[in-house]
Amino acid sequence: MGDSTSSEDEIMIQCDAPGCGKWFDAIDLTPPLSSHTASQYETWHCEHCIPYHGPSRLRLRRAGLRKRKRINFVELNDPGFFMASENGHRRDIGLATNDVQDVDFAEMIRVRSGKGVFRPGRSRSGRKGGCLLKLAKGEEFNATYVAKHGFRRPVLFANTRPSQLGLRVPPPRDKEGVPFTYTTVAELVGPFRPIQVIDTATQLTTEYTLKEWVEYLETPAKDRTRVLNVITLEFSQTPLGTLVTEPKLARDVDFVNLHWPKTLEDVRKCVGRGHRVAADELLDQLEELKNDRPRVTKYCLMSAAGSYTDFHIDFGGTAVWYHLFSGRKIFYFIEPSPENIKIYSKWATNASGSKTSTYEFLPDLILAAGGEVYEVVLRKGQTLFIPSGWMHAVFTPEDSLVFGGNFVHRHSLEMQLNIYRLERQMKVGMDFRFPNYQKLMWFCAWDFLEECNRLRRRNRNIFFNDKVTDQLKLQIICKTYSPHILKGYKALAKELERWATSKAKCTTEQYPENMNVLALSAQLGELMKECVAYVDKEQKEKLR
């Protein structure tokens, strides 16, 4: 039973989960508990224990009390369960049955592969082509390389150990020889953790617990009535998170890691000049920022044989790291050219001009417009990096387990902002967008402007008169950062200027507290305009 103590001023409730026993202020819970509602629990579990020990249980008071509806695994594995209902709508999904199609993606891919539609992602010896960037060693693909050359093409490391990339994943077996399996994932993340499960044939979702999902995967493939897929299980705040470390490149360039405030000093530095903020207010802001921190760098993907994830661009135009722990995957890549993105946008919003509801396969539209689609096979132990904006689909020939993550960085800012605007134009739901994206961009802009100011202060001894100060300032900044970085921050400044003058609540609530967003966007915009003009002038002079 969830023990509770109360007085006129406070109500406390204790978690009943084994090994926890922590006390909580009931009024601070979501939703808050009163002494009456707290007394109705037979066992009460805190939010941290629910994924591992299940939900809290209410006392049974009378026969008429409604019991919590339990998910039936057999029904969930049956298409009739979540297709049929009395009013003709899909249960828990909200789409009419006549809006839903079962598509045989495996057959569509097989037919087109037989016709040679897909180009190999890896160029063959002596031939040009392929979408993959060739690098001899994993150590070469680092922040220094990306700063100089950018990150515009997918990179596959086929014969590189994870440790060579600074990547750490669980060993195939532990010290006792027990293999790392889907069951291990459930134990570490929480067997009662709810997860979104995608039905491959319809590309629509339903909800399982991890325990139910493992039961499905342990069912022999021949006995599965539907082909299901899990691609959105974020685990950074669970025990599994301590066993996985992102590749060094992702950690070194990730905007969240570099710019999201972590300390009180980080919060204080963003306070506008002339403003004084009390220490307790800054502490409250820091606590709120810790809760709001985007957590997108560690995902576990578990896919049944035959699974297919249709063409998409990762949210916010983020780059992706992707390590295949077990199984096999086949990627289909489309380069993010303006024409291809235009076709993708129309296709994704079902506005390609077709008056029918028949499913259209994106590669057919790309090829008809003169574009190309590349095929890349990923095998057990291999690691893939996907740059910003690349459209891709993924087919799973055999049951697979993947560790991966997303990261935003300065080396593809223009593309990332283009994709973010595209998501807004397509009215992508907030649940499917990068969390707190605009707030992150404000922190990035602030830090970059501070970087530029530090460069100027560090070299102030060469500013020997006012006439050359501005020119030397630009020269120092432009020699420190590659042109693609400066152009990216110019694009960011333009976007920030729009956000700074917006009246929309979804934009204004993303302003960091106490930050002068108008001044910041204007200062960054002016500086980047001058820098890009300087770079363009230098490049023209070199061509003479």
Protein backbone atom coordinates (compact mmCIF):
# COMPACT_ATOMS: atom_id res chain seq x y z
CA MET A 1 0.00 0.00 0.00
CA GLY A 2 1.23 3.51 -0.81
CA ASP A 3 1.85 4.97 2.63
CA SER A 4 0.97 8.62 3.06
CA THR A 5 1.39 11.18 5.79
CA SER A 6 -0.53 14.42 5.92
CA SER A 7 -0.97 17.59 7.84
CA GLU A 8 -2.93 20.73 7.21
CA ASP A 9 -0.18 21.99 4.92
CA GLU A 10 1.31 18.93 3.22
CA ILE A 11 0.59 15.44 1.92
CA MET A 12 3.42 12.96 1.33
CA ILE A 13 3.19 9.62 -0.45
CA GLN A 14 5.77 6.82 -0.58
CA CYS A 15 6.62 4.70 -3.63
CA ASP A 16 5.89 0.99 -3.00
CA ALA A 17 8.22 -0.32 -5.71
CA PRO A 18 10.89 -2.73 -4.37
CA GLY A 19 14.16 -0.91 -3.77
CA CYS A 20 12.65 2.57 -4.04
CA GLY A 21 10.69 3.72 -0.99
CA LYS A 22 11.14 7.40 -1.82
CA TRP A 23 8.69 9.97 -0.42
CA PHE A 24 7.06 12.59 -2.67
CA ASP A 25 5.14 15.78 -2.05
CA ALA A 26 1.72 14.78 -3.42
CA ILE A 27 0.78 18.30 -4.48
CA ASP A 28 3.82 18.44 -6.81
CA LEU A 29 2.90 15.25 -8.69
CA THR A 30 1.23 15.23 -12.10
CA PRO A 31 -1.66 15.09 -11.52
CA PRO A 32 -1.51 16.27 -7.88
CA LEU A 33 -2.88 13.89 -5.23
CA SER A 34 -5.06 14.80 -2.29
CA SER A 35 -5.24 12.78 0.93
CA HIS A 36 -8.46 11.23 -0.39
CA THR A 37 -7.08 10.15 -3.78
CA ALA A 38 -3.80 8.93 -2.21
CA SER A 39 -5.74 6.65 0.14
CA GLN A 40 -7.43 4.95 -2.83
CA TYR A 41 -4.18 3.29 -3.97
CA GLU A 42 -3.38 -0.26 -2.97
CA THR A 43 0.15 0.20 -4.33
CA TRP A 44 1.58 3.46 -5.67
CA HIS A 45 4.61 3.69 -7.97
CA CYS A 46 6.52 6.86 -8.84
CA GLU A 47 7.13 7.83 -12.47
CA HIS A 48 10.67 6.43 -12.36
CA CYS A 49 9.50 2.99 -11.20
CA ILE A 50 6.41 2.55 -13.40
CA PRO A 51 8.45 1.36 -16.47
CA TYR A 52 10.08 -1.35 -14.34
CA HIS A 53 7.31 -2.38 -11.91
CA GLY A 54 4.12 -1.46 -13.73
CA PRO A 55 1.43 1.14 -13.02
CA SER A 56 -0.01 1.97 -9.62
CA ARG A 57 -3.00 -0.14 -8.53
CA LEU A 58 -6.22 1.19 -7.05
CA ARG A 59 -8.09 -0.57 -4.26
CA LEU A 60 -11.12 -2.59 -5.35
CA ARG A 61 -14.03 -1.02 -3.50
CA ARG A 62 -17.10 -2.66 -5.05
CA ALA A 63 -18.01 -5.00 -7.86
CA GLY A 64 -19.08 -2.11 -10.05
CA LEU A 65 -15.63 -0.50 -10.07
CA ARG A 66 -14.25 -0.44 -13.64
CA LYS A 67 -11.02 -2.40 -13.98
CA ARG A 68 -8.12 -1.07 -15.99
CA LYS A 69 -8.31 -2.40 -19.53
CA ARG A 70 -5.34 -4.64 -20.28
CA ILE A 71 -3.76 -4.91 -23.71
CA ASN A 72 -4.27 -8.32 -25.30
CA PHE A 73 -1.10 -9.32 -27.13
CA VAL A 74 -2.89 -11.80 -29.38
CA GLU A 75 -5.39 -9.16 -30.48
CA LEU A 76 -2.68 -6.57 -31.06
CA ASN A 77 -0.92 -9.00 -33.38
CA ASP A 78 -4.16 -9.41 -35.33
CA PRO A 79 -4.99 -6.80 -38.02
CA GLY A 80 -8.68 -7.30 -37.31
CA PHE A 81 -8.20 -5.92 -33.79
CA PHE A 82 -7.06 -2.47 -34.76
CA MET A 83 -8.89 -2.25 -38.07
CA ALA A 84 -12.43 -3.07 -36.96
CA SER A 85 -14.85 -1.14 -34.77
CA GLU A 86 -18.54 -0.43 -34.67
CA ASN A 87 -18.26 3.05 -36.19
CA GLY A 88 -15.84 2.06 -38.95
CA HIS A 89 -12.79 3.80 -37.50
CA ARG A 90 -9.45 2.38 -36.46
CA ARG A 91 -9.19 1.93 -32.71
CA ASP A 92 -6.85 4.38 -30.97
CA ILE A 93 -5.61 5.72 -34.32
CA GLY A 94 -8.50 7.84 -35.59
CA LEU A 95 -8.40 6.99 -39.30
CA ALA A 96 -11.32 5.56 -41.23
CA THR A 97 -10.78 2.05 -42.55
CA ASN A 98 -11.22 3.20 -46.15
CA ASP A 99 -8.28 5.58 -45.66
CA VAL A 100 -5.97 2.68 -44.82
CA GLN A 101 -4.15 0.50 -47.31
CA ASP A 102 -2.05 -2.58 -46.79
CA VAL A 103 1.02 -2.12 -49.00
CA ASP A 104 3.41 -4.97 -49.78
CA PHE A 105 6.63 -2.94 -49.57
CA ALA A 106 8.84 -6.04 -49.78
CA GLU A 107 7.33 -6.94 -53.15
CA MET A 108 7.62 -3.37 -54.43
CA ILE A 109 11.32 -3.36 -53.56
CA ARG A 110 11.89 -6.85 -55.01
CA VAL A 111 10.35 -5.93 -58.36
CA ARG A 112 12.33 -2.71 -58.71
CA SER A 113 15.56 -4.34 -57.59
CA GLY A 114 15.06 -6.94 -60.31
CA LYS A 115 14.76 -4.15 -62.86
CA GLY A 116 17.96 -2.50 -61.65
CA VAL A 117 16.16 0.63 -60.48
CA PHE A 118 18.40 1.19 -57.45
CA ARG A 119 22.00 2.24 -57.95
CA PRO A 120 24.61 0.72 -55.61
CA GLY A 121 25.56 3.15 -52.87
CA ARG A 122 29.17 1.99 -52.98
CA SER A 123 30.87 2.82 -56.27
CA ARG A 124 32.45 -0.20 -57.92
CA SER A 125 36.15 -0.37 -58.68
CA GLY A 126 37.10 1.93 -61.52
CA ARG A 127 33.63 3.43 -61.79
CA LYS A 128 32.21 6.74 -60.73
CA GLY A 129 28.98 7.02 -58.84
CA GLY A 130 27.56 5.89 -55.52
CA CYS A 131 26.35 8.09 -52.72
CA LEU A 132 28.81 7.02 -50.02
CA LEU A 133 31.84 9.06 -49.00
CA LYS A 134 35.02 6.97 -49.01
CA LEU A 135 37.16 7.17 -45.88
CA ALA A 136 39.93 4.72 -45.08
CA LYS A 137 39.72 4.86 -41.27
CA GLY A 138 37.10 5.69 -38.69
CA GLU A 139 39.50 8.04 -36.93
CA GLU A 140 39.54 10.23 -40.05
CA PHE A 141 35.84 11.05 -39.71
CA ASN A 142 36.08 13.56 -36.89
CA ALA A 143 35.18 17.15 -36.07
CA THR A 144 38.33 18.47 -37.75
CA TYR A 145 37.52 16.68 -41.01
CA VAL A 146 33.90 17.86 -40.97
CA ALA A 147 34.91 21.46 -40.17
CA LYS A 148 37.12 21.51 -43.26
CA HIS A 149 35.13 19.43 -45.74
CA GLY A 150 31.60 19.47 -44.40
CA PHE A 151 29.31 16.45 -44.03
CA ARG A 152 27.20 16.12 -47.19
CA ARG A 153 27.23 12.42 -48.08
CA PRO A 154 26.47 9.23 -46.10
CA VAL A 155 29.48 7.44 -44.63
CA LEU A 156 29.56 3.67 -44.07
CA PHE A 157 32.17 2.02 -41.87
CA ALA A 158 32.02 -1.61 -42.91
CA ASN A 159 35.20 -2.92 -41.29
CA THR A 160 35.69 -0.50 -38.42
CA ARG A 161 35.34 -1.45 -34.78
CA PRO A 162 32.94 0.77 -32.80
CA SER A 163 35.79 1.83 -30.52
CA GLN A 164 37.63 3.33 -33.51
CA LEU A 165 34.69 5.72 -33.90
CA GLY A 166 34.56 6.49 -30.17
CA LEU A 167 31.34 4.47 -30.07
CA ARG A 168 30.52 2.15 -27.20
CA VAL A 169 27.76 -0.48 -27.33
CA PRO A 170 27.00 -3.43 -25.04
CA PRO A 171 29.09 -6.58 -25.59
CA PRO A 172 27.33 -9.45 -27.40
CA ARG A 173 27.58 -11.45 -24.15
CA ASP A 174 28.13 -10.41 -20.56
CA LYS A 175 30.79 -11.82 -18.22
CA GLU A 176 28.58 -14.82 -17.42
CA GLY A 177 28.13 -15.57 -21.11
CA VAL A 178 24.50 -14.39 -21.23
CA PRO A 179 23.72 -12.89 -24.66
CA PHE A 180 22.42 -9.33 -25.07
CA THR A 181 18.90 -9.73 -26.49
CA TYR A 182 15.58 -7.93 -26.81
CA THR A 183 14.78 -9.22 -23.32
CA THR A 184 17.90 -7.46 -22.02
CA VAL A 185 16.65 -4.20 -23.53
CA ALA A 186 13.30 -4.62 -21.77
CA GLU A 187 14.97 -5.35 -18.43
CA LEU A 188 17.21 -2.27 -18.70
CA VAL A 189 14.65 0.19 -20.07
CA GLY A 190 11.65 -1.20 -18.15
CA PRO A 191 9.27 -3.99 -19.18
CA PHE A 192 6.25 -1.76 -18.54
CA ARG A 193 7.63 1.18 -20.56
CA PRO A 194 5.02 2.09 -23.24
CA ILE A 195 6.42 2.22 -26.78
CA GLN A 196 5.07 3.17 -30.19
CA VAL A 197 4.88 0.23 -32.60
CA ILE A 198 4.58 0.72 -36.36
CA ASP A 199 2.58 -1.69 -38.50
CA THR A 200 4.64 -2.08 -41.69
CA ALA A 201 1.78 -2.68 -44.12
CA THR A 202 -0.14 0.46 -43.12
CA GLN A 203 2.71 2.56 -41.62
CA LEU A 204 0.36 3.41 -38.74
CA THR A 205 1.08 3.06 -35.03
CA THR A 206 -0.29 1.40 -31.94
CA GLU A 207 1.08 1.06 -28.40
CA TYR A 208 2.72 -1.88 -26.62
CA THR A 209 4.67 -2.24 -23.42
CA LEU A 210 8.24 -3.42 -23.89
CA LYS A 211 7.28 -6.72 -22.27
CA GLU A 212 4.56 -7.28 -24.87
CA TRP A 213 6.93 -6.22 -27.64
CA VAL A 214 9.51 -8.81 -26.59
CA GLU A 215 6.78 -11.46 -26.55
CA TYR A 216 5.97 -10.52 -30.14
CA LEU A 217 9.63 -10.72 -31.25
CA GLU A 218 10.03 -14.08 -29.55
CA THR A 219 7.10 -15.43 -31.55
CA PRO A 220 8.42 -17.44 -34.55
CA ALA A 221 8.28 -15.33 -37.73
CA LYS A 222 5.90 -17.82 -39.41
CA ASP A 223 3.38 -17.32 -36.58
CA ARG A 224 3.34 -13.51 -36.69
CA THR A 225 0.21 -12.19 -38.34
CA ARG A 226 1.59 -8.65 -38.77
CA VAL A 227 5.08 -7.26 -39.43
CA LEU A 228 5.86 -4.69 -36.75
CA ASN A 229 8.65 -2.23 -36.07
CA VAL A 230 9.93 -0.04 -33.19
CA ILE A 231 12.08 2.98 -34.11
CA THR A 232 11.41 5.65 -31.44
CA LEU A 233 12.58 4.12 -28.15
CA GLU A 234 14.80 6.81 -26.57
CA PHE A 235 16.75 5.32 -23.65
CA SER A 236 19.36 7.88 -22.54
CA GLN A 237 17.85 8.24 -19.04
CA THR A 238 17.69 4.49 -18.34
CA PRO A 239 20.34 1.94 -17.24
CA LEU A 240 20.79 1.03 -20.91
CA GLY A 241 21.95 4.61 -21.48
CA THR A 242 25.05 3.96 -19.39
CA LEU A 243 26.05 1.07 -21.68
CA VAL A 244 25.92 3.10 -24.90
CA THR A 245 28.09 6.10 -25.80
CA GLU A 246 27.53 7.99 -29.04
CA PRO A 247 30.36 8.18 -31.62
CA LYS A 248 32.93 10.84 -30.84
CA LEU A 249 31.99 12.90 -33.89
CA ALA A 250 28.37 13.14 -32.72
CA ARG A 251 29.43 14.19 -29.22
CA ASP A 252 31.96 16.74 -30.48
CA VAL A 253 29.66 18.61 -32.87
CA ASP A 254 26.20 18.12 -31.35
CA PHE A 255 24.52 21.46 -30.64
CA VAL A 256 22.65 20.12 -27.61
CA ASN A 257 25.87 18.87 -26.05
CA LEU A 258 27.74 22.09 -26.88
CA HIS A 259 25.19 24.83 -26.31
CA TRP A 260 22.27 23.75 -24.12
CA PRO A 261 22.87 25.31 -20.66
CA LYS A 262 24.16 22.87 -18.06
CA THR A 263 25.27 25.16 -15.21
CA LEU A 264 24.13 28.27 -13.40
CA GLU A 265 26.86 30.22 -15.16
CA ASP A 266 25.52 29.06 -18.53
CA VAL A 267 22.11 30.48 -17.63
CA ARG A 268 23.53 33.71 -16.20
CA LYS A 269 25.59 34.52 -19.31
CA CYS A 270 22.45 34.69 -21.46
CA VAL A 271 20.91 37.47 -19.37
CA GLY A 272 20.71 40.65 -21.42
CA ARG A 273 22.85 43.62 -20.49
CA GLY A 274 21.26 45.92 -17.96
CA HIS A 275 19.13 43.12 -16.48
CA ARG A 276 19.56 41.74 -13.00
CA VAL A 277 18.05 38.37 -12.14
CA ALA A 278 17.86 36.94 -8.62
CA ALA A 279 19.88 33.77 -7.96
CA ASP A 280 16.81 31.71 -7.01
CA GLU A 281 15.13 32.68 -10.29
CA LEU A 282 18.22 31.55 -12.21
CA LEU A 283 18.15 28.25 -10.32
CA ASP A 284 14.51 27.75 -11.31
CA GLN A 285 15.42 28.45 -14.93
CA LEU A 286 18.28 25.95 -14.79
CA GLU A 287 16.00 23.25 -13.39
CA GLU A 288 13.45 23.93 -16.13
CA LEU A 289 16.15 23.78 -18.81
CA LYS A 290 17.35 20.43 -17.47
CA ASN A 291 13.83 19.06 -17.87
CA ASP A 292 13.41 20.60 -21.34
CA ARG A 293 16.78 19.41 -22.69
CA PRO A 294 16.27 17.65 -26.05
CA ARG A 295 17.07 13.96 -25.66
CA VAL A 296 17.49 12.50 -29.13
CA THR A 297 21.01 11.07 -29.19
CA LYS A 298 20.28 7.50 -28.03
CA TYR A 299 17.60 5.35 -29.64
CA CYS A 300 17.11 1.59 -29.71
CA LEU A 301 15.44 0.29 -32.87
CA MET A 302 14.00 -3.24 -32.90
CA SER A 303 12.57 -4.52 -36.16
CA ALA A 304 10.88 -7.76 -37.17
CA ALA A 305 11.95 -9.45 -40.41
CA GLY A 306 10.11 -7.82 -43.30
CA SER A 307 9.81 -4.44 -41.55
CA TYR A 308 9.93 -1.36 -43.70
CA THR A 309 10.21 2.30 -42.71
CA ASP A 310 9.01 4.45 -45.59
CA PHE A 311 10.95 7.41 -47.00
CA HIS A 312 11.46 10.25 -44.56
CA ILE A 313 13.86 12.99 -43.52
CA ASP A 314 14.89 12.90 -39.88
CA PHE A 315 13.27 15.62 -37.79
CA GLY A 316 14.80 19.08 -37.91
CA GLY A 317 17.14 17.93 -40.68
CA THR A 318 19.26 16.23 -38.04
CA ALA A 319 22.20 14.02 -38.92
CA VAL A 320 22.09 10.39 -37.79
CA TRP A 321 24.48 7.78 -36.42
CA TYR A 322 23.31 4.19 -36.83
CA HIS A 323 25.04 1.03 -35.53
CA LEU A 324 23.64 -2.39 -36.46
CA PHE A 325 24.05 -4.57 -33.36
CA SER A 326 22.40 -7.62 -34.92
CA GLY A 327 20.52 -8.54 -38.08
CA ARG A 328 20.64 -6.85 -41.48
CA LYS A 329 19.28 -3.61 -42.98
CA ILE A 330 18.97 -2.23 -46.50
CA PHE A 331 18.86 1.57 -46.93
CA TYR A 332 17.47 3.43 -49.92
CA PHE A 333 18.88 6.95 -50.20
CA ILE A 334 17.75 10.01 -52.16
CA GLU A 335 20.00 13.06 -52.30
CA PRO A 336 18.42 16.28 -50.92
CA SER A 337 18.57 18.34 -54.10
CA PRO A 338 15.98 21.15 -54.35
CA GLU A 339 14.05 19.20 -56.99
CA ASN A 340 14.06 15.98 -54.98
CA ILE A 341 12.92 17.77 -51.81
CA LYS A 342 10.10 19.41 -53.74
CA ILE A 343 8.94 15.99 -54.99
CA TYR A 344 9.28 14.52 -51.50
CA SER A 345 7.26 17.35 -49.95
CA LYS A 346 4.35 16.82 -52.34
CA TRP A 347 4.52 13.05 -51.91
CA ALA A 348 4.67 13.23 -48.11
CA THR A 349 1.63 15.50 -47.89
CA ASN A 350 -0.27 13.34 -50.40
CA ALA A 351 -0.50 16.34 -52.76
CA SER A 352 1.35 15.03 -55.80
CA GLY A 353 -1.62 15.73 -58.02
CA SER A 354 -3.19 12.27 -57.87
CA LYS A 355 -6.95 12.23 -57.33
CA THR A 356 -6.90 8.64 -56.06
CA SER A 357 -5.81 7.29 -52.71
CA THR A 358 -3.51 4.70 -54.31
CA TYR A 359 -0.12 4.58 -52.66
CA GLU A 360 2.72 6.02 -54.73
CA PHE A 361 6.30 4.77 -54.28
CA LEU A 362 8.61 7.77 -53.93
CA PRO A 363 11.49 6.27 -56.00
CA ASP A 364 9.13 6.04 -58.99
CA LEU A 365 8.50 9.79 -58.79
CA ILE A 366 12.19 10.60 -58.30
CA LEU A 367 13.28 8.44 -61.24
CA ALA A 368 10.57 9.90 -63.48
CA ALA A 369 12.03 13.35 -62.77
CA GLY A 370 15.55 12.21 -63.69
CA GLY A 371 16.81 11.59 -60.16
CA GLU A 372 18.52 8.57 -58.63
CA VAL A 373 17.91 6.23 -55.69
CA TYR A 374 20.85 4.46 -54.04
CA GLU A 375 20.87 1.12 -52.23
CA VAL A 376 23.20 0.52 -49.26
CA VAL A 377 23.33 -2.79 -47.35
CA LEU A 378 24.21 -2.59 -43.66
CA ARG A 379 25.40 -5.74 -41.90
CA LYS A 380 25.95 -6.76 -38.29
CA GLY A 381 28.64 -4.67 -36.58
CA GLN A 382 28.69 -1.93 -39.22
CA THR A 383 28.09 1.77 -38.55
CA LEU A 384 26.45 4.31 -40.83
CA PHE A 385 26.37 8.12 -40.65
CA ILE A 386 23.56 9.92 -42.52
CA PRO A 387 23.96 13.66 -43.24
CA SER A 388 21.25 16.27 -42.88
CA GLY A 389 18.37 16.25 -45.32
CA TRP A 390 18.95 12.88 -47.03
CA MET A 391 15.66 11.10 -47.70
CA HIS A 392 15.86 7.43 -46.85
CA ALA A 393 13.79 4.30 -46.41
CA VAL A 394 14.88 1.15 -44.56
CA PHE A 395 14.00 -2.49 -45.25
CA THR A 396 14.77 -5.21 -42.69
CA PRO A 397 15.41 -8.68 -44.21
CA GLU A 398 15.84 -10.33 -40.77
CA ASP A 399 15.07 -9.49 -37.15
CA SER A 400 17.39 -6.63 -36.19
CA LEU A 401 18.52 -4.56 -33.22
CA VAL A 402 20.06 -1.13 -33.75
CA PHE A 403 21.54 1.62 -31.60
CA GLY A 404 21.43 5.08 -33.11
CA GLY A 405 20.81 8.74 -32.51
CA ASN A 406 20.29 12.20 -33.98
CA PHE A 407 22.39 15.34 -33.72
CA VAL A 408 22.21 18.95 -34.94
CA HIS A 409 25.49 20.64 -35.88
CA ARG A 410 26.92 23.80 -37.45
CA HIS A 411 28.24 22.13 -40.61
CA SER A 412 24.80 21.72 -42.25
CA LEU A 413 22.87 24.62 -40.75
CA GLU A 414 21.37 25.79 -44.03
CA MET A 415 19.97 22.33 -44.82
CA GLN A 416 18.72 21.82 -41.27
CA LEU A 417 16.85 25.11 -41.30
CA ASN A 418 15.38 24.31 -44.71
CA ILE A 419 14.02 21.02 -43.38
CA TYR A 420 12.69 22.71 -40.24
CA ARG A 421 10.77 25.22 -42.40
CA LEU A 422 9.53 22.36 -44.60
CA GLU A 423 8.16 20.56 -41.54
CA ARG A 424 6.21 23.66 -40.56
CA GLN A 425 4.85 24.09 -44.09
CA MET A 426 3.80 20.43 -44.12
CA LYS A 427 2.18 20.94 -40.68
CA VAL A 428 4.11 18.06 -39.14
CA GLY A 429 2.80 17.40 -35.62
CA MET A 430 4.85 18.69 -32.69
CA ASP A 431 5.31 15.11 -31.41
CA PHE A 432 7.26 14.34 -34.59
CA ARG A 433 9.52 17.41 -34.54
CA PHE A 434 12.85 18.02 -32.85
CA PRO A 435 12.00 19.07 -29.26
CA ASN A 436 12.64 22.72 -28.33
CA TYR A 437 14.39 23.31 -31.64
CA GLN A 438 13.99 27.10 -31.67
CA LYS A 439 15.20 27.52 -28.10
CA LEU A 440 18.29 25.46 -28.96
CA MET A 441 19.00 27.71 -31.95
CA TRP A 442 18.89 30.82 -29.74
CA PHE A 443 21.52 29.32 -27.43
CA CYS A 444 23.65 28.35 -30.45
CA ALA A 445 23.49 31.88 -31.84
CA TRP A 446 24.43 33.39 -28.48
CA ASP A 447 27.46 31.13 -28.10
CA PHE A 448 28.66 31.70 -31.66
CA LEU A 449 28.48 35.47 -31.25
CA GLU A 450 30.47 35.10 -28.03
CA GLU A 451 33.05 32.99 -29.92
CA CYS A 452 33.46 35.77 -32.46
CA ASN A 453 33.81 38.38 -29.71
CA ARG A 454 36.49 36.31 -27.99
CA LEU A 455 38.41 36.08 -31.27
CA ARG A 456 38.38 39.85 -31.57
CA ARG A 457 39.46 40.37 -27.97
CA ARG A 458 42.24 37.82 -28.34
CA ASN A 459 43.62 39.76 -31.29
CA ARG A 460 42.89 43.28 -30.08
CA ASN A 461 46.63 44.12 -30.12
CA ILE A 462 46.54 44.20 -33.93
CA PHE A 463 43.65 46.65 -34.02
CA PHE A 464 46.01 49.62 -34.11
CA ASN A 465 43.58 52.17 -35.57
CA ASP A 466 39.87 52.56 -36.18
CA LYS A 467 40.13 52.45 -40.00
CA VAL A 468 41.36 48.87 -40.15
CA THR A 469 39.60 47.44 -37.13
CA ASP A 470 36.46 46.28 -38.96
CA GLN A 471 38.45 44.76 -41.84
CA LEU A 472 40.79 42.89 -39.52
CA LYS A 473 37.85 41.71 -37.46
CA LEU A 474 36.27 40.13 -40.52
CA GLN A 475 39.56 38.65 -41.67
CA ILE A 476 40.14 36.91 -38.34
CA ILE A 477 36.63 35.44 -38.21
CA CYS A 478 36.65 34.37 -41.86
CA LYS A 479 39.99 32.62 -41.53
CA THR A 480 38.82 30.81 -38.39
CA TYR A 481 35.59 29.37 -39.83
CA SER A 482 35.01 27.61 -43.15
CA PRO A 483 32.73 29.38 -45.66
CA HIS A 484 29.99 26.74 -45.24
CA ILE A 485 29.87 27.46 -41.49
CA LEU A 486 29.58 31.23 -41.98
CA LYS A 487 26.85 30.80 -44.59
CA GLY A 488 25.03 28.50 -42.19
CA TYR A 489 25.07 31.08 -39.40
CA LYS A 490 23.94 33.74 -41.88
CA ALA A 491 20.92 31.53 -42.65
CA LEU A 492 20.35 31.05 -38.91
CA ALA A 493 20.48 34.81 -38.29
CA LYS A 494 17.84 35.36 -40.99
CA GLU A 495 15.61 32.76 -39.36
CA LEU A 496 16.14 34.26 -35.89
CA GLU A 497 15.13 37.69 -37.14
CA ARG A 498 11.79 36.21 -38.22
CA TRP A 499 11.31 34.44 -34.91
CA ALA A 500 12.26 37.55 -32.91
CA THR A 501 9.41 39.56 -34.46
CA SER A 502 6.84 36.77 -34.42
CA LYS A 503 3.69 37.04 -32.33
CA ALA A 504 2.89 33.33 -32.53
CA LYS A 505 2.79 31.67 -29.12
CA CYS A 506 4.60 28.56 -30.37
CA THR A 507 7.54 30.85 -31.27
CA THR A 508 7.54 33.34 -28.39
CA GLU A 509 7.39 30.57 -25.75
CA GLN A 510 10.68 29.29 -27.17
CA TYR A 511 12.53 32.52 -26.33
CA PRO A 512 15.11 31.82 -23.59
CA GLU A 513 14.19 33.72 -20.44
CA ASN A 514 15.92 37.11 -20.02
CA MET A 515 17.59 36.91 -23.44
CA ASN A 516 17.29 39.97 -25.69
CA VAL A 517 16.33 38.08 -28.83
CA LEU A 518 15.89 41.18 -31.00
CA ALA A 519 19.38 42.46 -30.25
CA LEU A 520 20.96 39.02 -30.64
CA SER A 521 19.37 38.31 -34.03
CA ALA A 522 20.28 41.78 -35.31
CA GLN A 523 23.93 41.57 -34.17
CA LEU A 524 24.43 38.09 -35.59
CA GLY A 525 22.71 39.05 -38.84
CA GLU A 526 24.89 42.11 -39.38
CA LEU A 527 28.13 40.27 -38.58
CA MET A 528 27.34 37.26 -40.81
CA LYS A 529 26.27 39.51 -43.69
CA GLU A 530 29.66 41.21 -43.56
CA CYS A 531 31.55 37.91 -43.20
CA VAL A 532 29.86 36.19 -46.14
CA ALA A 533 30.39 39.28 -48.32
CA TYR A 534 34.07 39.24 -47.34
CA VAL A 535 34.39 35.52 -48.20
CA ASP A 536 32.66 35.97 -51.55
CA LYS A 537 34.96 38.87 -52.40
CA GLU A 538 38.05 36.82 -51.48
CA GLN A 539 36.91 33.90 -53.63
CA LYS A 540 36.27 36.15 -56.62
CA GLU A 541 39.74 37.68 -56.32
CA LYS A 542 41.31 34.19 -56.29
CA LEU A 543 39.59 33.36 -59.57
CA ARG A 544 41.07 36.37 -61.37
